[in-house]
């Protein structure tokens, strides 16, 4: 079974149309280093950080601690995220659930997959 780190790097490489070799070359990793991470050979944090920086994702995402790819510094640049966070802090649990229900409904409506592109 592939490690989370290996699976996420593989997915990011596919998404960005880059081979392991190209990634290793661009980040200064040894040839075949990523393949060694497939099962058990754990890299140093320095190597994980280089890969994370290359793809502009968090190290937590790469190692499976988080499913959020976006680095915090980018999230903090988004004023809408900051507004939502401030509002969330002031809300009761019931208010938060209502807000999430509204967001789900809004997203379901805005990103309805049943509509054809011509509509």
N, C-alpha and C. Protein backbone atom coordinates (compact mmCIF):
# COMPACT_ATOMS: atom_id res chain seq x y z
N UNK A 1 0.84 -1.17 0.00
CA UNK A 1 0.00 0.00 0.00
C UNK A 1 0.89 1.25 0.00
N UNK A 2 0.55 2.21 -0.83
CA UNK A 2 1.33 3.43 -0.96
C UNK A 2 1.15 4.32 0.27
N UNK A 3 2.22 5.01 0.65
CA UNK A 3 2.13 5.97 1.75
C UNK A 3 1.30 7.17 1.31
N UNK A 4 0.76 7.90 2.28
CA UNK A 4 -0.01 9.10 1.98
C UNK A 4 0.89 10.10 1.25
N UNK A 5 2.10 10.27 1.74
CA UNK A 5 3.05 11.21 1.13
C UNK A 5 3.26 10.88 -0.34
N UNK A 6 3.55 9.64 -0.64
CA UNK A 6 3.78 9.22 -2.02
C UNK A 6 2.53 9.44 -2.87
N UNK A 7 1.37 9.05 -2.35
CA UNK A 7 0.11 9.19 -3.11
C UNK A 7 -0.20 10.64 -3.42
N UNK A 8 0.03 11.51 -2.45
CA UNK A 8 -0.27 12.93 -2.68
C UNK A 8 0.72 13.56 -3.66
N UNK A 9 1.99 13.19 -3.56
CA UNK A 9 2.97 13.71 -4.51
C UNK A 9 2.65 13.20 -5.91
N UNK A 10 2.30 11.94 -6.02
CA UNK A 10 1.94 11.36 -7.31
C UNK A 10 0.75 12.10 -7.91
N UNK A 11 -0.26 12.36 -7.10
CA UNK A 11 -1.45 13.07 -7.57
C UNK A 11 -1.11 14.49 -8.02
N UNK A 12 -0.28 15.19 -7.24
CA UNK A 12 0.13 16.55 -7.60
C UNK A 12 0.95 16.55 -8.90
N UNK A 13 1.80 15.55 -9.06
CA UNK A 13 2.58 15.44 -10.31
C UNK A 13 1.66 15.24 -11.50
N UNK A 14 0.68 14.36 -11.36
CA UNK A 14 -0.27 14.11 -12.45
C UNK A 14 -1.07 15.37 -12.76
N UNK A 15 -1.53 16.04 -11.72
CA UNK A 15 -2.33 17.26 -11.86
C UNK A 15 -1.54 18.36 -12.57
N UNK A 16 -0.23 18.40 -12.34
CA UNK A 16 0.62 19.44 -12.92
C UNK A 16 1.44 18.96 -14.11
N UNK A 17 1.13 17.75 -14.58
CA UNK A 17 1.81 17.17 -15.76
C UNK A 17 3.33 17.22 -15.63
N UNK A 18 3.82 16.70 -14.52
CA UNK A 18 5.25 16.66 -14.27
C UNK A 18 5.62 15.25 -13.80
N UNK A 19 6.76 14.78 -14.22
CA UNK A 19 7.21 13.46 -13.80
C UNK A 19 7.96 13.55 -12.48
N UNK A 20 8.10 12.41 -11.81
CA UNK A 20 8.90 12.37 -10.59
C UNK A 20 10.32 12.86 -10.88
N UNK A 21 10.86 12.44 -12.01
CA UNK A 21 12.23 12.84 -12.37
C UNK A 21 12.34 14.36 -12.44
N UNK A 22 11.37 15.00 -13.11
CA UNK A 22 11.39 16.47 -13.24
C UNK A 22 11.26 17.14 -11.86
N UNK A 23 10.39 16.59 -11.02
CA UNK A 23 10.21 17.13 -9.67
C UNK A 23 11.50 16.97 -8.86
N UNK A 24 12.08 15.81 -8.92
CA UNK A 24 13.33 15.56 -8.19
C UNK A 24 14.43 16.51 -8.66
N UNK A 25 14.53 16.70 -9.95
CA UNK A 25 15.55 17.59 -10.51
C UNK A 25 15.29 19.03 -10.06
N UNK A 26 14.04 19.48 -10.12
CA UNK A 26 13.69 20.85 -9.78
C UNK A 26 13.86 21.16 -8.29
N UNK A 27 13.71 20.15 -7.45
CA UNK A 27 13.79 20.36 -6.00
C UNK A 27 15.12 19.91 -5.40
N UNK A 28 16.00 19.41 -6.23
CA UNK A 28 17.32 18.99 -5.74
C UNK A 28 17.32 17.66 -5.01
N UNK A 29 16.31 16.86 -5.24
CA UNK A 29 16.25 15.53 -4.64
C UNK A 29 17.02 14.55 -5.51
N UNK A 30 17.48 13.49 -4.91
CA UNK A 30 18.20 12.48 -5.66
C UNK A 30 17.29 11.73 -6.62
N UNK A 31 17.88 11.22 -7.68
CA UNK A 31 17.13 10.45 -8.67
C UNK A 31 16.52 9.21 -8.01
N UNK A 32 15.22 9.06 -8.13
CA UNK A 32 14.52 7.91 -7.55
C UNK A 32 14.12 8.09 -6.10
N UNK A 33 14.37 9.27 -5.54
CA UNK A 33 14.07 9.51 -4.12
C UNK A 33 12.58 9.33 -3.81
N UNK A 34 11.75 9.88 -4.66
CA UNK A 34 10.31 9.84 -4.39
C UNK A 34 9.78 8.41 -4.43
N UNK A 35 10.27 7.62 -5.34
CA UNK A 35 9.84 6.22 -5.42
C UNK A 35 10.17 5.46 -4.14
N UNK A 36 11.24 5.85 -3.47
CA UNK A 36 11.62 5.21 -2.21
C UNK A 36 10.62 5.54 -1.10
N UNK A 37 9.88 6.63 -1.24
CA UNK A 37 8.92 7.03 -0.23
C UNK A 37 7.60 6.29 -0.38
N UNK A 38 7.50 5.45 -1.38
CA UNK A 38 6.24 4.78 -1.69
C UNK A 38 5.72 3.93 -0.53
N UNK A 39 6.62 3.22 0.13
CA UNK A 39 6.18 2.30 1.17
C UNK A 39 6.65 2.71 2.56
N UNK A 40 7.95 2.81 2.77
CA UNK A 40 8.38 3.00 4.15
C UNK A 40 9.51 3.99 4.36
N UNK A 41 10.28 4.29 3.35
CA UNK A 41 11.44 5.16 3.53
C UNK A 41 10.98 6.60 3.72
N UNK A 42 11.05 7.09 4.95
CA UNK A 42 10.58 8.44 5.25
C UNK A 42 11.66 9.48 4.97
N UNK A 43 11.32 10.52 4.24
CA UNK A 43 12.28 11.58 3.94
C UNK A 43 12.43 12.54 5.11
N UNK A 44 13.46 13.36 5.07
CA UNK A 44 13.64 14.40 6.08
C UNK A 44 12.59 15.49 5.84
N UNK A 45 12.32 16.26 6.87
CA UNK A 45 11.34 17.35 6.74
C UNK A 45 11.79 18.35 5.69
N UNK A 46 13.09 18.54 5.55
CA UNK A 46 13.64 19.46 4.55
C UNK A 46 13.20 19.05 3.14
N UNK A 47 13.23 17.77 2.87
CA UNK A 47 12.83 17.27 1.54
C UNK A 47 11.33 17.43 1.33
N UNK A 48 10.57 17.15 2.36
CA UNK A 48 9.11 17.32 2.27
C UNK A 48 8.79 18.79 2.04
N UNK A 49 9.49 19.68 2.74
CA UNK A 49 9.26 21.12 2.58
C UNK A 49 9.58 21.58 1.15
N UNK A 50 10.63 21.05 0.56
CA UNK A 50 10.97 21.44 -0.82
C UNK A 50 9.86 21.04 -1.79
N UNK A 51 9.31 19.85 -1.61
CA UNK A 51 8.21 19.40 -2.48
C UNK A 51 6.97 20.27 -2.23
N UNK A 52 6.68 20.55 -0.97
CA UNK A 52 5.52 21.39 -0.63
C UNK A 52 5.66 22.78 -1.26
N UNK A 53 6.83 23.36 -1.16
CA UNK A 53 7.07 24.68 -1.75
C UNK A 53 6.94 24.63 -3.26
N UNK A 54 7.42 23.59 -3.87
CA UNK A 54 7.34 23.46 -5.33
C UNK A 54 5.88 23.50 -5.79
N UNK A 55 5.01 22.75 -5.10
CA UNK A 55 3.61 22.68 -5.49
C UNK A 55 2.73 23.73 -4.81
N UNK A 56 3.33 24.53 -3.92
CA UNK A 56 2.59 25.54 -3.16
C UNK A 56 1.45 24.91 -2.36
N UNK A 57 1.79 23.85 -1.64
CA UNK A 57 0.86 23.19 -0.72
C UNK A 57 1.52 23.13 0.65
N UNK A 58 0.76 22.74 1.65
CA UNK A 58 1.32 22.64 2.99
C UNK A 58 1.99 21.28 3.20
N UNK A 59 2.95 21.26 4.11
CA UNK A 59 3.57 19.97 4.47
C UNK A 59 2.54 19.09 5.16
N UNK A 60 1.65 19.70 5.93
CA UNK A 60 0.58 18.93 6.57
C UNK A 60 -0.26 18.20 5.54
N UNK A 61 -0.54 18.85 4.42
CA UNK A 61 -1.29 18.21 3.35
C UNK A 61 -0.50 17.02 2.79
N UNK A 62 0.77 17.23 2.51
CA UNK A 62 1.58 16.15 1.92
C UNK A 62 1.65 14.91 2.79
N UNK A 63 1.78 15.10 4.10
CA UNK A 63 1.94 13.93 4.98
C UNK A 63 0.61 13.40 5.52
N UNK A 64 -0.51 14.02 5.13
CA UNK A 64 -1.81 13.48 5.48
C UNK A 64 -2.41 13.99 6.77
N UNK A 65 -1.81 15.01 7.38
CA UNK A 65 -2.38 15.58 8.60
C UNK A 65 -3.62 16.40 8.27
N UNK A 66 -3.62 17.02 7.09
CA UNK A 66 -4.73 17.87 6.67
C UNK A 66 -5.11 17.54 5.22
N UNK A 67 -6.34 17.80 4.89
CA UNK A 67 -6.78 17.65 3.50
C UNK A 67 -6.82 19.00 2.78
N UNK A 68 -6.37 20.05 3.46
CA UNK A 68 -6.36 21.38 2.88
C UNK A 68 -4.99 21.65 2.27
N UNK A 69 -4.97 21.86 0.97
CA UNK A 69 -3.71 22.09 0.27
C UNK A 69 -3.16 23.50 0.46
N UNK A 70 -4.04 24.48 0.52
CA UNK A 70 -3.65 25.89 0.48
C UNK A 70 -2.90 26.31 1.74
N UNK A 71 -1.72 26.91 1.58
CA UNK A 71 -0.98 27.42 2.74
C UNK A 71 -1.75 28.52 3.46
N UNK A 72 -1.58 28.61 4.76
CA UNK A 72 -2.29 29.58 5.59
C UNK A 72 -2.07 31.00 5.11
N UNK A 73 -0.84 31.32 4.69
CA UNK A 73 -0.57 32.70 4.27
C UNK A 73 -1.46 33.10 3.09
N UNK A 74 -1.80 32.16 2.22
CA UNK A 74 -2.71 32.47 1.11
C UNK A 74 -4.14 32.59 1.59
N UNK A 75 -4.53 31.74 2.52
CA UNK A 75 -5.89 31.83 3.06
C UNK A 75 -6.11 33.17 3.76
N UNK A 76 -5.07 33.64 4.45
CA UNK A 76 -5.19 34.90 5.18
C UNK A 76 -5.26 36.12 4.25
N UNK A 77 -4.90 35.96 3.01
CA UNK A 77 -5.01 37.04 2.04
C UNK A 77 -6.44 37.18 1.52
N UNK A 78 -7.27 36.17 1.74
CA UNK A 78 -8.64 36.17 1.27
C UNK A 78 -9.53 36.80 2.32
N UNK A 79 -10.01 37.99 2.06
CA UNK A 79 -10.82 38.74 3.02
C UNK A 79 -12.13 38.02 3.36
N UNK A 80 -12.68 37.27 2.41
CA UNK A 80 -13.92 36.52 2.68
C UNK A 80 -13.68 35.43 3.73
N UNK A 81 -12.54 34.76 3.63
CA UNK A 81 -12.20 33.71 4.61
C UNK A 81 -12.05 34.33 5.99
N UNK A 82 -11.40 35.47 6.07
CA UNK A 82 -11.21 36.14 7.35
C UNK A 82 -12.56 36.56 7.93
N UNK A 83 -13.44 37.08 7.10
CA UNK A 83 -14.77 37.49 7.55
C UNK A 83 -15.55 36.30 8.09
N UNK A 84 -15.50 35.19 7.35
CA UNK A 84 -16.20 33.98 7.80
C UNK A 84 -15.63 33.48 9.13
N UNK A 85 -14.31 33.52 9.27
CA UNK A 85 -13.67 33.06 10.50
C UNK A 85 -14.09 33.93 11.68
N UNK A 86 -14.09 35.23 11.49
CA UNK A 86 -14.50 36.14 12.57
C UNK A 86 -15.96 35.90 12.96
N UNK A 87 -16.81 35.70 11.95
CA UNK A 87 -18.22 35.44 12.23
C UNK A 87 -18.39 34.11 12.95
N UNK A 88 -17.64 33.11 12.54
CA UNK A 88 -17.74 31.78 13.14
C UNK A 88 -17.40 31.82 14.63
N UNK A 89 -16.41 32.60 14.99
CA UNK A 89 -16.00 32.70 16.39
C UNK A 89 -17.13 33.24 17.26
N UNK A 90 -17.93 34.15 16.72
CA UNK A 90 -19.00 34.80 17.48
C UNK A 90 -20.29 33.98 17.50
N UNK A 91 -20.37 32.92 16.69
CA UNK A 91 -21.60 32.16 16.56
C UNK A 91 -21.74 31.06 17.60
N UNK A 92 -22.99 30.76 17.90
CA UNK A 92 -23.27 29.58 18.72
C UNK A 92 -23.16 28.36 17.81
N UNK A 93 -23.05 27.18 18.37
CA UNK A 93 -23.02 25.98 17.52
C UNK A 93 -24.25 25.87 16.61
N UNK A 94 -25.41 26.28 17.11
CA UNK A 94 -26.63 26.24 16.30
C UNK A 94 -26.52 27.22 15.12
N UNK A 95 -25.99 28.42 15.38
CA UNK A 95 -25.80 29.41 14.32
C UNK A 95 -24.81 28.90 13.26
N UNK A 96 -23.74 28.25 13.71
CA UNK A 96 -22.75 27.70 12.77
C UNK A 96 -23.39 26.66 11.86
N UNK A 97 -24.21 25.80 12.44
CA UNK A 97 -24.87 24.77 11.64
C UNK A 97 -25.81 25.41 10.62
N UNK A 98 -26.53 26.44 11.01
CA UNK A 98 -27.40 27.16 10.07
C UNK A 98 -26.59 27.78 8.94
N UNK A 99 -25.45 28.41 9.30
CA UNK A 99 -24.60 29.02 8.28
C UNK A 99 -24.11 27.95 7.30
N UNK A 100 -23.68 26.81 7.82
CA UNK A 100 -23.18 25.75 6.95
C UNK A 100 -24.29 25.21 6.04
N UNK A 101 -25.49 25.11 6.55
CA UNK A 101 -26.62 24.67 5.73
C UNK A 101 -26.86 25.66 4.59
N UNK A 102 -26.80 26.96 4.91
CA UNK A 102 -27.00 27.97 3.86
C UNK A 102 -25.88 27.89 2.80
N UNK A 103 -24.64 27.72 3.26
CA UNK A 103 -23.53 27.61 2.32
C UNK A 103 -23.67 26.37 1.43
N UNK A 104 -24.06 25.25 2.03
CA UNK A 104 -24.24 24.01 1.24
C UNK A 104 -25.32 24.21 0.17
N UNK A 105 -26.43 24.82 0.57
CA UNK A 105 -27.51 25.07 -0.39
C UNK A 105 -27.02 25.99 -1.50
N UNK A 106 -26.32 27.06 -1.11
CA UNK A 106 -25.80 28.00 -2.10
C UNK A 106 -24.81 27.33 -3.05
N UNK A 107 -23.91 26.52 -2.53
CA UNK A 107 -22.94 25.84 -3.39
C UNK A 107 -23.63 24.83 -4.29
N UNK A 108 -24.59 24.08 -3.73
CA UNK A 108 -25.31 23.12 -4.55
C UNK A 108 -26.02 23.82 -5.72
N UNK A 109 -26.60 24.99 -5.45
CA UNK A 109 -27.28 25.75 -6.49
C UNK A 109 -26.28 26.33 -7.49
N UNK A 110 -25.21 26.93 -6.99
CA UNK A 110 -24.25 27.61 -7.86
C UNK A 110 -23.47 26.64 -8.73
N UNK A 111 -23.24 25.45 -8.22
CA UNK A 111 -22.41 24.48 -8.95
C UNK A 111 -23.20 23.24 -9.31
N UNK A 112 -24.42 23.43 -9.74
CA UNK A 112 -25.30 22.34 -10.14
C UNK A 112 -24.73 21.66 -11.37
N UNK A 113 -24.39 20.38 -11.26
CA UNK A 113 -23.79 19.63 -12.36
C UNK A 113 -24.80 19.18 -13.41
N UNK A 114 -26.11 19.34 -13.14
CA UNK A 114 -27.10 18.86 -14.09
C UNK A 114 -27.33 19.81 -15.24
N UNK A 115 -26.93 21.08 -15.07
CA UNK A 115 -27.13 22.05 -16.14
C UNK A 115 -26.09 21.83 -17.24
N UNK A 116 -26.52 22.04 -18.48
CA UNK A 116 -25.58 21.94 -19.59
C UNK A 116 -24.88 23.28 -19.77
N UNK A 117 -23.68 23.30 -20.36
CA UNK A 117 -22.93 24.56 -20.52
C UNK A 117 -23.65 25.62 -21.35
N UNK A 118 -24.57 25.23 -22.21
CA UNK A 118 -25.27 26.21 -23.07
C UNK A 118 -26.32 26.98 -22.33
N UNK A 119 -26.79 26.48 -21.18
CA UNK A 119 -27.89 27.12 -20.46
C UNK A 119 -27.46 28.40 -19.79
